N, C-alpha and C. Protein backbone atom coordinates (compact mmCIF):
# COMPACT_ATOMS: atom_id res chain seq x y z
N UNK A 1 -5.12 -45.91 22.19
CA UNK A 1 -5.60 -45.61 21.05
C UNK A 1 -6.25 -44.78 20.02
N UNK A 2 -7.63 -44.90 20.58
CA UNK A 2 -8.92 -44.50 19.89
C UNK A 2 -8.58 -42.83 20.61
N UNK A 3 -8.12 -42.56 21.23
CA UNK A 3 -8.26 -41.59 22.29
C UNK A 3 -7.08 -40.26 21.56
N UNK A 4 -5.87 -41.11 20.61
CA UNK A 4 -5.06 -40.62 20.48
C UNK A 4 -4.97 -40.02 18.98
N UNK A 5 -6.21 -40.72 18.68
CA UNK A 5 -6.47 -40.90 17.27
C UNK A 5 -7.58 -39.65 17.38
N UNK A 6 -8.96 -39.05 18.72
CA UNK A 6 -8.96 -38.12 18.73
C UNK A 6 -9.01 -36.91 18.92
N UNK A 7 -7.49 -36.58 19.61
CA UNK A 7 -7.27 -36.17 19.43
C UNK A 7 -6.49 -34.91 18.38
N UNK A 8 -5.74 -36.06 17.68
CA UNK A 8 -4.29 -35.45 16.56
C UNK A 8 -6.00 -35.04 15.65
N UNK A 9 -6.98 -35.79 15.74
CA UNK A 9 -8.10 -35.47 15.04
C UNK A 9 -8.69 -33.80 14.69
N UNK A 10 -8.66 -33.53 16.38
CA UNK A 10 -9.17 -32.42 17.24
C UNK A 10 -8.30 -30.87 16.57
N UNK A 11 -7.14 -31.62 17.28
CA UNK A 11 -5.86 -30.69 16.89
C UNK A 11 -5.47 -30.18 15.26
N UNK A 12 -5.91 -31.04 14.31
CA UNK A 12 -5.72 -30.65 12.69
C UNK A 12 -6.88 -30.09 12.30
N UNK A 13 -8.25 -30.33 12.67
CA UNK A 13 -9.49 -29.49 12.20
C UNK A 13 -8.62 -28.09 13.56
N UNK A 14 -8.55 -28.06 14.12
CA UNK A 14 -8.04 -26.62 15.09
C UNK A 14 -7.05 -26.19 13.85
N UNK A 15 -6.22 -26.29 13.80
CA UNK A 15 -5.41 -25.80 12.91
C UNK A 15 -5.84 -25.04 11.69
N UNK A 16 -6.62 -25.90 11.01
CA UNK A 16 -7.63 -25.76 9.49
C UNK A 16 -8.25 -24.52 9.94
N UNK A 17 -9.32 -24.03 11.14
CA UNK A 17 -10.06 -23.16 11.44
C UNK A 17 -9.32 -22.32 11.76
N UNK A 18 -8.30 -21.91 12.27
CA UNK A 18 -7.19 -21.05 13.00
C UNK A 18 -7.17 -20.37 11.49
N UNK A 19 -6.73 -20.88 10.67
CA UNK A 19 -5.91 -20.19 9.26
C UNK A 19 -7.03 -20.15 8.38
N UNK A 20 -8.38 -19.78 7.99
CA UNK A 20 -9.25 -19.86 6.82
C UNK A 20 -9.14 -19.15 5.92
N UNK A 21 -9.08 -19.17 4.58
CA UNK A 21 -8.88 -18.25 3.72
C UNK A 21 -9.57 -16.73 3.64
N UNK A 22 -8.47 -15.79 3.52
CA UNK A 22 -9.30 -14.45 3.55
C UNK A 22 -9.51 -14.02 2.72
N UNK A 23 -10.37 -12.97 2.80
CA UNK A 23 -11.38 -12.35 1.42
C UNK A 23 -10.47 -11.15 0.99
N UNK A 24 -10.64 -10.72 0.30
CA UNK A 24 -9.99 -9.63 -0.50
C UNK A 24 -9.86 -8.20 0.65
N UNK A 25 -9.65 -7.57 1.24
CA UNK A 25 -9.85 -6.20 1.73
C UNK A 25 -10.00 -5.17 0.94
N UNK A 26 -10.92 -4.50 1.53
CA UNK A 26 -11.95 -3.03 0.38
C UNK A 26 -9.75 -2.22 0.61
N UNK A 27 -10.03 -1.67 -0.65
CA UNK A 27 -8.52 -0.33 -0.68
C UNK A 27 -8.63 0.19 0.42
N UNK A 28 -7.34 0.70 1.07
CA UNK A 28 -7.17 1.53 1.54
C UNK A 28 -6.73 3.02 0.82
N UNK A 29 -7.67 4.58 0.94
CA UNK A 29 -6.97 5.23 -0.27
C UNK A 29 -6.46 6.38 1.08
N UNK A 30 -5.60 7.23 -0.31
CA UNK A 30 -4.68 8.08 0.43
C UNK A 30 -4.59 8.79 -0.80
N UNK A 31 -5.25 10.44 -0.37
CA UNK A 31 -5.61 10.71 -1.57
C UNK A 31 -5.29 12.90 -1.29
N UNK A 32 -4.59 12.48 -0.35
CA UNK A 32 -3.67 14.11 0.80
C UNK A 32 -4.51 15.11 0.70
N UNK A 33 -6.20 14.82 0.88
CA UNK A 33 -6.57 15.38 1.28
C UNK A 33 -6.79 16.47 2.43
N UNK A 34 -6.43 15.80 3.37
CA UNK A 34 -5.76 15.71 4.51
C UNK A 34 -4.96 16.64 5.32
N UNK A 35 -3.70 16.48 3.62
CA UNK A 35 -2.82 17.68 3.81
C UNK A 35 -2.56 18.77 3.91
N UNK A 36 -2.05 19.81 4.08
CA UNK A 36 -2.35 21.56 4.34
C UNK A 36 -1.40 21.81 2.92
N UNK A 37 -1.82 23.01 2.21
CA UNK A 37 -1.17 23.07 0.80
C UNK A 37 0.65 23.47 1.43
N UNK A 38 1.17 22.98 0.33
CA UNK A 38 2.55 23.21 1.10
C UNK A 38 3.57 22.26 1.61
N UNK A 39 2.54 21.33 2.57
CA UNK A 39 3.33 20.51 3.39
C UNK A 39 4.39 19.37 2.79
N UNK A 40 5.84 19.31 3.18
CA UNK A 40 6.73 19.01 2.36
C UNK A 40 7.09 17.64 3.08
N UNK A 41 7.76 17.45 2.09
CA UNK A 41 8.47 15.89 2.58
C UNK A 41 9.56 16.05 3.40
N UNK A 42 9.81 14.78 4.65
CA UNK A 42 9.00 13.88 4.76
C UNK A 42 7.50 14.21 5.46
N UNK A 43 6.37 13.51 5.13
CA UNK A 43 5.73 13.56 5.80
C UNK A 43 4.59 12.53 5.66
N UNK A 44 2.94 11.95 6.41
CA UNK A 44 3.32 11.21 7.16
C UNK A 44 1.40 11.50 6.82
N UNK A 45 0.99 10.27 6.51
CA UNK A 45 -0.97 9.87 6.27
C UNK A 45 -1.35 8.58 6.84
N UNK A 46 -2.16 8.91 7.16
CA UNK A 46 -3.48 7.77 7.79
C UNK A 46 -4.33 7.54 7.36
N UNK A 47 -4.65 6.70 7.20
CA UNK A 47 -6.24 6.03 7.11
C UNK A 47 -6.30 4.92 6.96
N UNK A 48 -7.68 4.25 7.61
CA UNK A 48 -8.04 2.87 7.46
C UNK A 48 -7.09 2.10 8.90
N UNK A 49 -6.40 2.62 9.46
CA UNK A 49 -5.09 2.31 10.51
C UNK A 49 -4.10 1.70 9.84
N UNK A 50 -4.18 1.83 8.27
CA UNK A 50 -2.32 2.11 7.76
C UNK A 50 -1.95 3.60 7.92
N UNK A 51 -0.42 3.17 7.99
CA UNK A 51 0.27 4.82 7.98
C UNK A 51 1.04 4.32 6.51
N UNK A 52 0.91 5.87 5.92
CA UNK A 52 1.83 5.69 4.69
C UNK A 52 3.33 7.07 4.72
N UNK A 53 4.38 6.92 5.72
CA UNK A 53 5.13 7.68 5.20
C UNK A 53 6.33 7.77 4.04
N UNK A 54 5.58 9.20 3.64
CA UNK A 54 6.59 9.93 2.13
C UNK A 54 7.69 10.56 2.01
N UNK A 55 8.78 10.32 1.63
CA UNK A 55 10.13 10.68 1.66
C UNK A 55 10.54 10.50 0.57
N UNK A 56 12.14 11.80 0.00
CA UNK A 56 12.31 11.65 -1.31
C UNK A 56 13.67 11.81 -0.47
N UNK A 57 14.91 11.99 -0.99
CA UNK A 57 16.43 10.99 -0.61
C UNK A 57 16.87 11.98 0.73
N UNK A 58 17.34 11.40 1.55
CA UNK A 58 17.72 11.76 2.44
C UNK A 58 18.63 13.02 2.33
N UNK A 59 19.02 13.26 1.29
CA UNK A 59 20.19 14.60 1.03
C UNK A 59 19.72 15.63 0.62
N UNK A 60 18.22 15.29 -0.26
CA UNK A 60 17.21 16.67 -0.21
C UNK A 60 16.18 16.91 0.11
N UNK A 61 15.69 16.37 1.32
CA UNK A 61 14.43 16.39 2.08
C UNK A 61 15.10 17.12 3.29
N UNK A 62 14.45 18.10 4.35
CA UNK A 62 12.88 18.16 3.37
C UNK A 62 12.96 19.11 2.10
N UNK A 63 11.48 19.13 1.94
CA UNK A 63 11.16 19.40 0.83
C UNK A 63 11.69 18.77 -0.66
N UNK A 64 11.72 17.62 -0.74
CA UNK A 64 11.81 17.13 -2.12
C UNK A 64 10.61 16.88 -2.79
N UNK A 65 9.52 16.93 -2.11
CA UNK A 65 8.18 16.59 -2.80
C UNK A 65 7.14 17.63 -1.65
N UNK A 66 6.44 18.11 -2.61
CA UNK A 66 4.87 18.93 -1.14
C UNK A 66 3.73 18.49 -2.02
N UNK A 67 2.82 19.38 -0.75
CA UNK A 67 1.68 18.82 -1.52
C UNK A 67 1.04 19.99 -2.26
N UNK A 68 0.44 20.22 -3.59
CA UNK A 68 0.00 21.42 -4.39
C UNK A 68 -1.76 20.83 -4.41
N UNK A 69 -2.02 21.75 -5.38
CA UNK A 69 -3.55 21.50 -5.31
C UNK A 69 -3.74 22.11 -7.01
N UNK A 70 -5.02 21.00 -7.37
CA UNK A 70 -5.54 21.65 -8.60
C UNK A 70 -6.87 21.99 -8.64
N UNK A 71 -7.06 22.95 -8.91
CA UNK A 71 -8.25 23.44 -9.21
C UNK A 71 -8.52 23.47 -10.99
N UNK A 72 -9.95 24.28 -11.13
CA UNK A 72 -10.14 24.62 -12.63
C UNK A 72 -10.33 25.53 -13.31
N UNK A 73 -9.82 26.02 -12.35
CA UNK A 73 -9.91 27.96 -12.89
C UNK A 73 -9.09 28.16 -11.10
N UNK A 74 -8.70 29.81 -11.46
CA UNK A 74 -8.16 30.55 -10.17
C UNK A 74 -6.38 30.33 -10.47
N UNK A 75 -6.11 30.60 -8.72
CA UNK A 75 -4.51 30.82 -8.89
C UNK A 75 -4.20 29.06 -8.51
N UNK A 76 -4.50 28.48 -8.03
CA UNK A 76 -3.96 27.12 -7.94
C UNK A 76 -4.86 26.27 -9.31
N UNK A 77 -5.08 26.81 -10.73
CA UNK A 77 -5.15 25.40 -11.66
C UNK A 77 -4.17 25.52 -12.31
N UNK A 78 -3.88 24.06 -12.25
CA UNK A 78 -3.03 22.91 -12.69
C UNK A 78 -3.40 22.22 -13.84
N UNK A 79 -2.24 22.03 -14.77
CA UNK A 79 -2.49 21.71 -16.19
C UNK A 79 -2.71 20.27 -16.19
N UNK A 80 -3.90 19.52 -14.85
CA UNK A 80 -4.01 18.40 -14.92
C UNK A 80 -5.66 17.60 -15.18
N UNK A 81 -5.53 16.45 -15.63
CA UNK A 81 -6.79 15.93 -15.80
C UNK A 81 -7.13 14.78 -14.59
N UNK A 82 -6.59 14.32 -14.11
CA UNK A 82 -6.99 13.22 -13.24
C UNK A 82 -6.41 13.33 -11.38
N UNK A 83 -5.75 14.56 -11.83
CA UNK A 83 -5.09 14.51 -10.09
C UNK A 83 -5.93 16.03 -9.73
N UNK A 84 -6.98 15.29 -8.90
CA UNK A 84 -8.07 16.42 -8.23
C UNK A 84 -7.36 16.74 -7.45
N UNK A 85 -8.08 18.28 -6.95
CA UNK A 85 -8.06 19.03 -5.57
C UNK A 85 -6.17 18.48 -5.59
N UNK A 86 -6.21 17.99 -4.08
CA UNK A 86 -4.51 17.70 -3.36
C UNK A 86 -3.91 16.80 -4.25
N UNK A 87 -2.51 17.01 -4.61
CA UNK A 87 -1.47 16.23 -4.70
C UNK A 87 -0.46 16.26 -4.28
N UNK A 88 0.54 14.89 -4.56
CA UNK A 88 1.86 15.36 -4.38
C UNK A 88 2.66 15.84 -5.75
N UNK A 89 3.74 16.75 -5.75
CA UNK A 89 4.70 16.54 -6.77
C UNK A 89 6.35 17.46 -6.15
N UNK A 90 7.03 17.47 -7.09
CA UNK A 90 8.28 18.17 -6.94
C UNK A 90 8.10 19.40 -6.00
N UNK A 91 9.26 19.52 -4.98
CA UNK A 91 9.47 20.63 -4.22
C UNK A 91 10.17 21.49 -4.24
N UNK A 92 10.42 22.26 -3.70
CA UNK A 92 10.95 23.62 -3.82
C UNK A 92 12.79 23.13 -3.37
N UNK A 93 12.97 22.00 -2.34
CA UNK A 93 14.35 21.62 -1.93
C UNK A 93 15.16 21.97 -3.03
N UNK A 94 16.81 22.38 -2.72
CA UNK A 94 18.10 21.93 -3.37
C UNK A 94 17.94 20.92 -3.89
N UNK A 95 18.30 20.68 -5.32
CA UNK A 95 18.57 19.23 -5.96
C UNK A 95 17.06 17.94 -5.77
N UNK A 96 15.61 18.86 -5.71
CA UNK A 96 14.46 17.85 -5.96
C UNK A 96 14.00 17.41 -7.49
N UNK A 97 14.04 18.13 -8.14
CA UNK A 97 14.07 17.44 -9.61
C UNK A 97 14.50 15.95 -9.85
N UNK A 98 13.85 15.48 -10.36
CA UNK A 98 14.43 13.78 -10.59
C UNK A 98 14.10 13.24 -9.67
N UNK A 99 13.93 13.73 -8.40
CA UNK A 99 14.05 12.80 -6.81
C UNK A 99 13.42 11.59 -6.89
N UNK A 100 13.38 10.25 -6.72
CA UNK A 100 12.70 9.32 -6.19
C UNK A 100 11.85 9.78 -4.95
N UNK A 101 10.85 9.20 -5.04
CA UNK A 101 9.58 9.28 -4.18
C UNK A 101 9.82 7.64 -3.45
N UNK A 102 10.04 7.65 -2.06
CA UNK A 102 9.89 6.19 -1.23
C UNK A 102 8.65 6.78 -0.62
N UNK A 103 7.89 5.26 0.00
CA UNK A 103 6.36 5.52 0.28
C UNK A 103 6.67 4.09 1.52
N UNK A 104 6.50 4.40 2.54
CA UNK A 104 6.86 2.76 3.72
C UNK A 104 5.62 3.12 4.06
N UNK A 105 5.65 1.64 4.50
CA UNK A 105 4.10 1.53 4.88
C UNK A 105 3.69 0.94 6.79
N UNK A 106 2.73 1.17 7.86
CA UNK A 106 3.65 0.40 8.82
C UNK A 106 2.23 -0.94 8.75
N UNK A 107 2.35 -1.88 7.46
CA UNK A 107 2.08 -3.24 7.86
C UNK A 107 1.77 -3.46 6.27
N UNK A 108 2.28 -4.63 6.45
CA UNK A 108 2.51 -5.32 4.74
C UNK A 108 1.37 -5.21 3.42
N UNK A 109 1.63 -4.90 2.55
CA UNK A 109 0.85 -4.32 1.40
C UNK A 109 0.80 -6.12 0.27
N UNK A 110 -0.08 -5.88 -0.34
CA UNK A 110 0.17 -7.03 -1.86
C UNK A 110 -0.36 -6.38 -2.82
N UNK A 111 -0.99 -5.23 -3.36
CA UNK A 111 -1.26 -4.78 -3.82
C UNK A 111 -1.80 -3.21 -3.43
N UNK A 112 -0.77 -2.02 -4.83
CA UNK A 112 -1.11 -0.67 -4.44
C UNK A 112 -1.24 0.06 -6.36
N UNK A 113 -1.96 1.06 -5.97
CA UNK A 113 -2.57 1.58 -7.63
C UNK A 113 -2.53 3.06 -7.19
N UNK A 114 -2.09 3.63 -8.14
CA UNK A 114 -1.85 5.25 -7.92
C UNK A 114 -1.88 6.00 -9.02
N UNK A 115 -2.30 7.18 -9.61
CA UNK A 115 -2.61 8.28 -10.62
C UNK A 115 -1.52 9.04 -10.62
N UNK A 116 -1.21 9.30 -11.58
CA UNK A 116 0.01 10.17 -12.35
C UNK A 116 0.29 10.74 -13.40
N UNK A 117 0.67 12.07 -13.18
CA UNK A 117 1.27 12.99 -14.01
C UNK A 117 2.81 12.84 -14.64
N UNK A 118 3.03 13.29 -15.63
CA UNK A 118 4.54 13.55 -16.23
C UNK A 118 4.79 14.64 -16.97
N UNK A 119 6.00 15.80 -16.33
CA UNK A 119 6.56 16.48 -16.93
C UNK A 119 7.03 15.87 -18.34
N UNK A 120 6.52 15.88 -19.23
CA UNK A 120 7.15 15.23 -20.18
C UNK A 120 6.28 15.62 -21.47
N UNK A 121 5.96 16.91 -21.69
CA UNK A 121 5.34 17.21 -22.58
C UNK A 121 5.30 16.05 -23.77
N UNK A 122 6.70 15.35 -24.05
CA UNK A 122 6.73 14.65 -25.35
C UNK A 122 6.30 13.52 -24.70
N UNK A 123 6.12 12.81 -24.22
CA UNK A 123 5.39 11.31 -23.45
C UNK A 123 6.67 10.20 -23.48
N UNK A 124 7.54 11.04 -23.75
CA UNK A 124 8.93 9.94 -23.80
C UNK A 124 8.77 9.21 -23.08
N UNK A 125 8.56 9.75 -21.29
CA UNK A 125 8.95 8.73 -20.36
C UNK A 125 7.84 7.64 -19.72
N UNK A 126 8.38 7.48 -18.47
CA UNK A 126 7.06 6.37 -17.95
C UNK A 126 7.61 6.53 -16.31
N UNK A 127 6.71 6.24 -15.27
CA UNK A 127 6.77 6.15 -14.42
C UNK A 127 7.24 4.77 -14.16
N UNK A 128 8.09 4.07 -12.96
CA UNK A 128 8.54 2.99 -12.33
C UNK A 128 8.80 2.40 -11.03
N UNK A 129 7.85 1.62 -10.77
CA UNK A 129 7.69 1.53 -9.11
C UNK A 129 8.56 -0.41 -8.64
N UNK A 130 8.85 0.18 -8.04
CA UNK A 130 9.74 -1.11 -7.16
C UNK A 130 9.92 -1.51 -5.73
N UNK A 131 9.48 -2.11 -5.23
CA UNK A 131 8.63 -2.48 -4.13
C UNK A 131 10.37 -3.25 -2.83
N UNK A 132 10.48 -3.20 -1.92
CA UNK A 132 11.30 -3.57 -0.94
C UNK A 132 11.80 -5.06 -1.01
N UNK A 133 10.93 -5.91 -1.64
CA UNK A 133 10.81 -6.91 -2.08
C UNK A 133 10.70 -7.40 -3.67
N UNK A 134 11.48 -6.81 -4.01
CA UNK A 134 12.39 -6.69 -5.39
C UNK A 134 10.51 -6.58 -6.50
N UNK A 135 9.80 -6.04 -6.45
CA UNK A 135 8.42 -5.87 -7.46
C UNK A 135 8.86 -5.06 -8.12
N UNK A 136 8.21 -5.28 -9.52
CA UNK A 136 8.12 -3.80 -10.66
C UNK A 136 7.34 -3.89 -11.16
N UNK A 137 6.73 -2.51 -11.81
CA UNK A 137 5.86 -1.80 -12.90
C UNK A 137 6.22 -0.69 -13.06
N UNK A 138 6.30 -0.57 -14.07
CA UNK A 138 6.50 0.62 -15.28
C UNK A 138 4.62 1.01 -15.87
N UNK A 139 4.61 2.19 -15.94
CA UNK A 139 3.45 2.18 -16.93
C UNK A 139 4.13 4.03 -17.33
N UNK A 140 3.07 3.89 -18.56
CA UNK A 140 3.31 5.61 -19.52
C UNK A 140 2.39 6.06 -19.81
N UNK A 141 2.48 7.39 -19.09
CA UNK A 141 1.13 8.27 -19.33
C UNK A 141 0.36 8.19 -20.82
N UNK A 142 -0.78 8.99 -20.94
CA UNK A 142 -1.22 9.38 -22.48
C UNK A 142 -1.73 10.79 -22.34
N UNK A 143 -1.40 11.65 -23.21
CA UNK A 143 -1.53 12.66 -23.83
C UNK A 143 -3.27 12.51 -23.82
N UNK A 144 -4.42 13.68 -22.75
CA UNK A 144 -5.26 13.99 -23.53
C UNK A 144 -5.52 15.19 -23.83
N UNK A 145 -6.59 15.42 -25.00
CA UNK A 145 -6.89 16.88 -25.42
C UNK A 145 -6.74 17.52 -24.76
N UNK A 146 -6.54 18.79 -24.64
CA UNK A 146 -6.67 19.92 -24.33
C UNK A 146 -5.84 19.81 -23.08
N UNK A 147 -4.49 18.80 -22.70
CA UNK A 147 -3.68 18.91 -21.72
C UNK A 147 -2.35 18.88 -22.32
N UNK A 148 -1.53 19.24 -21.29
CA UNK A 148 0.07 19.31 -21.86
C UNK A 148 0.92 18.14 -21.42
N UNK A 149 0.48 17.54 -20.36
CA UNK A 149 1.47 16.51 -19.74
C UNK A 149 0.91 15.11 -19.73
N UNK A 150 0.96 13.85 -20.10
CA UNK A 150 1.16 13.06 -20.25
C UNK A 150 0.71 12.37 -18.81
N UNK A 151 -1.02 11.94 -18.44
CA UNK A 151 -1.07 11.26 -16.96
C UNK A 151 -1.36 9.30 -16.89
N UNK A 152 -1.70 8.45 -16.36
CA UNK A 152 -2.06 7.50 -16.28
C UNK A 152 -2.05 7.10 -14.71
N UNK A 153 -2.16 5.50 -15.07
CA UNK A 153 -2.40 4.74 -13.53
C UNK A 153 -1.48 3.89 -13.77
N UNK A 154 -0.57 4.04 -12.39
CA UNK A 154 0.49 2.60 -12.80
C UNK A 154 -0.14 1.95 -11.09
N UNK A 155 -0.03 0.40 -11.24
CA UNK A 155 -0.46 -0.59 -10.07
C UNK A 155 0.08 -1.34 -10.41
N UNK A 156 0.41 -2.65 -9.01
CA UNK A 156 0.88 -3.35 -8.74
C UNK A 156 0.76 -4.65 -7.73
N UNK A 157 0.40 -5.88 -8.24
CA UNK A 157 0.46 -6.84 -6.90
C UNK A 157 0.88 -7.77 -7.13
N UNK A 158 1.37 -8.34 -6.09
CA UNK A 158 2.19 -9.53 -6.07
C UNK A 158 3.05 -9.85 -4.76
N UNK A 159 4.07 -10.40 -4.38
CA UNK A 159 4.49 -10.45 -2.91
C UNK A 159 4.35 -9.39 -1.90
N UNK A 160 4.32 -10.06 -0.70
CA UNK A 160 3.63 -8.54 0.16
C UNK A 160 5.23 -8.09 0.56
N UNK A 161 4.96 -6.49 0.64
CA UNK A 161 5.57 -5.88 0.95
C UNK A 161 5.36 -4.38 1.60
N UNK A 162 6.44 -3.62 2.66
CA UNK A 162 5.82 -2.67 3.22
C UNK A 162 7.18 -1.35 2.81
N UNK A 163 7.48 -1.51 1.32
CA UNK A 163 7.92 0.15 0.96
C UNK A 163 7.93 0.28 -0.59
N UNK A 164 7.78 0.93 -1.00
CA UNK A 164 7.84 1.45 -2.47
C UNK A 164 9.07 2.52 -2.99
N UNK A 165 9.29 2.53 -4.01
CA UNK A 165 10.44 3.99 -4.45
C UNK A 165 9.52 3.66 -5.71
N UNK A 166 9.12 5.36 -6.23
CA UNK A 166 8.58 5.17 -7.35
C UNK A 166 9.87 6.84 -8.14
N UNK A 167 10.19 6.17 -9.41
CA UNK A 167 10.83 7.24 -9.95
C UNK A 167 10.57 7.27 -11.36
N UNK A 168 11.21 8.25 -12.07
CA UNK A 168 11.01 8.48 -13.46
C UNK A 168 11.87 9.35 -14.41
N UNK A 169 11.77 9.24 -15.84
CA UNK A 169 12.88 9.87 -16.53
C UNK A 169 12.66 10.97 -16.78
N UNK A 170 11.55 11.27 -16.17
CA UNK A 170 10.81 12.85 -16.90
C UNK A 170 11.18 13.87 -15.90
N UNK A 171 11.74 14.95 -16.11
CA UNK A 171 12.23 15.89 -14.87
C UNK A 171 11.45 15.79 -13.64
N UNK A 172 9.90 16.19 -13.59
CA UNK A 172 9.32 15.73 -12.56
C UNK A 172 8.03 15.51 -12.57
N UNK A 173 7.72 14.40 -11.59
CA UNK A 173 6.24 13.08 -12.10
C UNK A 173 5.51 14.25 -10.45
N UNK A 174 4.30 13.69 -11.22
CA UNK A 174 3.30 14.36 -9.87
C UNK A 174 2.16 12.80 -9.65
N UNK A 175 1.75 13.16 -8.15
CA UNK A 175 1.16 11.42 -8.18
C UNK A 175 -0.30 11.71 -6.84
N UNK A 176 -0.91 10.76 -6.82
CA UNK A 176 -2.09 11.05 -6.57
C UNK A 176 -3.18 9.71 -6.07
N UNK A 177 -4.21 9.74 -5.29
CA UNK A 177 -4.98 8.86 -5.00
C UNK A 177 -4.57 7.09 -5.00
N UNK A 178 -3.56 6.84 -3.79
CA UNK A 178 -2.91 5.95 -3.81
C UNK A 178 -3.84 4.76 -3.42
N UNK A 179 -4.24 3.76 -3.57
CA UNK A 179 -4.94 2.71 -3.12
C UNK A 179 -3.95 1.93 -3.49
N UNK A 180 -4.12 1.29 -1.42
CA UNK A 180 -3.44 0.36 -1.27
C UNK A 180 -4.44 -0.84 -0.29
N UNK A 181 -3.83 -2.03 -0.62
CA UNK A 181 -4.64 -3.35 -0.03
C UNK A 181 -3.85 -4.00 0.66
N UNK A 182 -3.93 -3.89 1.77
CA UNK A 182 -3.23 -4.77 2.79
C UNK A 182 -3.16 -6.38 2.62
N UNK A 183 -1.92 -6.86 2.90
CA UNK A 183 -2.01 -8.34 2.91
C UNK A 183 -3.31 -9.02 3.48
N UNK A 184 -3.39 -10.60 3.11
CA UNK A 184 -4.10 -11.27 4.01
C UNK A 184 -3.42 -11.72 5.09
N UNK A 185 -4.57 -11.54 5.89
CA UNK A 185 -3.86 -12.55 7.35
C UNK A 185 -4.27 -13.36 7.64
N UNK A 186 -4.11 -14.67 8.49
CA UNK A 186 -5.25 -15.31 9.66
C UNK A 186 -5.65 -14.86 10.58
N UNK A 187 -6.86 -15.07 10.92
CA UNK A 187 -7.59 -14.52 11.44
C UNK A 187 -8.36 -15.79 12.48
N UNK A 188 -8.18 -16.32 13.43
CA UNK A 188 -8.41 -17.65 14.47
C UNK A 188 -9.91 -17.17 14.18
N UNK A 189 -11.15 -18.59 13.87
CA UNK A 189 -12.14 -18.54 14.02
C UNK A 189 -12.85 -18.74 15.68
N UNK A 190 -13.86 -18.75 15.98
CA UNK A 190 -14.37 -19.25 17.32
C UNK A 190 -14.94 -20.40 17.55
N UNK A 191 -14.80 -21.30 16.21
CA UNK A 191 -14.85 -22.68 16.48
C UNK A 191 -13.26 -23.24 16.95
N UNK A 192 -12.35 -22.59 16.85
CA UNK A 192 -11.32 -23.09 16.95
C UNK A 192 -10.95 -23.24 18.76
N UNK A 193 -11.52 -22.44 19.60
CA UNK A 193 -11.21 -23.22 20.85
C UNK A 193 -11.80 -24.29 21.58
N UNK A 194 -13.10 -24.41 20.89
CA UNK A 194 -14.18 -25.48 20.82
C UNK A 194 -13.59 -26.52 20.56
N UNK A 195 -13.06 -26.87 19.28
CA UNK A 195 -12.37 -27.86 18.99
C UNK A 195 -11.12 -28.11 20.01
N UNK A 196 -10.52 -26.88 20.17
CA UNK A 196 -8.89 -27.31 21.34
C UNK A 196 -9.30 -28.12 21.89
N UNK A 197 -10.65 -27.58 22.91
CA UNK A 197 -10.93 -27.59 24.48
C UNK A 197 -11.79 -29.56 24.49
N UNK A 198 -11.90 -29.60 22.78
CA UNK A 198 -12.40 -31.16 22.47
C UNK A 198 -11.20 -31.93 22.72
N UNK A 199 -10.37 -31.63 22.73
CA UNK A 199 -8.66 -32.20 21.83
C UNK A 199 -8.63 -32.63 23.40
N UNK A 200 -8.40 -31.29 24.51
CA UNK A 200 -7.87 -31.63 25.33
C UNK A 200 -7.94 -32.30 26.54
N UNK A 201 -10.07 -32.13 26.31
CA UNK A 201 -10.72 -33.02 27.36
C UNK A 201 -10.37 -34.91 26.82
N UNK A 202 -10.32 -34.84 25.84
CA UNK A 202 -9.83 -36.72 25.23
C UNK A 202 -8.77 -37.01 26.16
N UNK A 203 -7.98 -35.67 25.53
CA UNK A 203 -6.86 -36.13 26.69
C UNK A 203 -6.98 -36.47 27.85
N UNK A 204 -6.82 -35.73 28.76
CA UNK A 204 -7.79 -35.40 29.95
C UNK A 204 -8.30 -36.82 30.58
N UNK A 205 -9.26 -37.62 29.84
CA UNK A 205 -9.85 -38.49 30.23
C UNK A 205 -9.25 -39.59 29.93
N UNK A 206 -8.65 -39.92 28.79
CA UNK A 206 -7.86 -40.59 28.35
C UNK A 206 -6.57 -41.14 29.75
N UNK A 207 -6.21 -39.88 30.37
CA UNK A 207 -5.19 -40.37 31.56
C UNK A 207 -5.43 -40.96 32.48
N UNK A 208 -6.88 -40.22 32.76
CA UNK A 208 -7.75 -40.36 33.93
C UNK A 208 -8.01 -41.78 34.31
N UNK A 209 -8.64 -42.71 32.80
CA UNK A 209 -8.60 -43.91 32.91
C UNK A 209 -7.53 -45.12 32.97
N UNK A 210 -6.44 -44.07 32.28
CA UNK A 210 -5.04 -44.63 32.60
C UNK A 210 -4.51 -44.61 33.88
N UNK A 211 -4.67 -44.21 34.81
CA UNK A 211 -4.29 -43.54 36.24
C UNK A 211 -4.96 -44.62 36.92
N UNK A 212 -6.98 -44.97 36.37
CA UNK A 212 -7.21 -45.39 37.11
C UNK A 212 -7.10 -47.05 37.00
């Protein structure tokens, strides 16, 4: 009976050791700086071992959205304050105006944030996010002095998800700087093997004594 308790205790400790509380991973940034200007959806980007696939509606792609560039001067000057250098904007495909944007991720996430701008000088619209597991978030932009379009940040934290869909009542919207946080996973610790070995050793000893 004593050896059974030793084995049970060893297996219990092993299970606890195999599933430690995971710390918060650093966000993975998708800022489109590695994308060619004019590259159109569907397009993929990889950072920190995570791949994100950006796409518009199947009836509109290719070209529902495309990579544009924001500079403070010159031919690429754009009227945005927070969308720096490369960002994703409405494309030139027929029917692109008003299209939702879907982003699918290669691993589950629990948190996502992004900066956005809305082609809505009246600042009457908002940007909405829906995850494939039913999570939702909505944000309004703010008009900064000297800029025509409202800009803001949209964030979501909740149940693990592998895709999001962005949409707005504004005719068009622009997005940049997606910061994605992976869902925590249990990582076995080195002590797990040692505890399991001890438990199995106790079981073997018990059997040998019973046979002797």
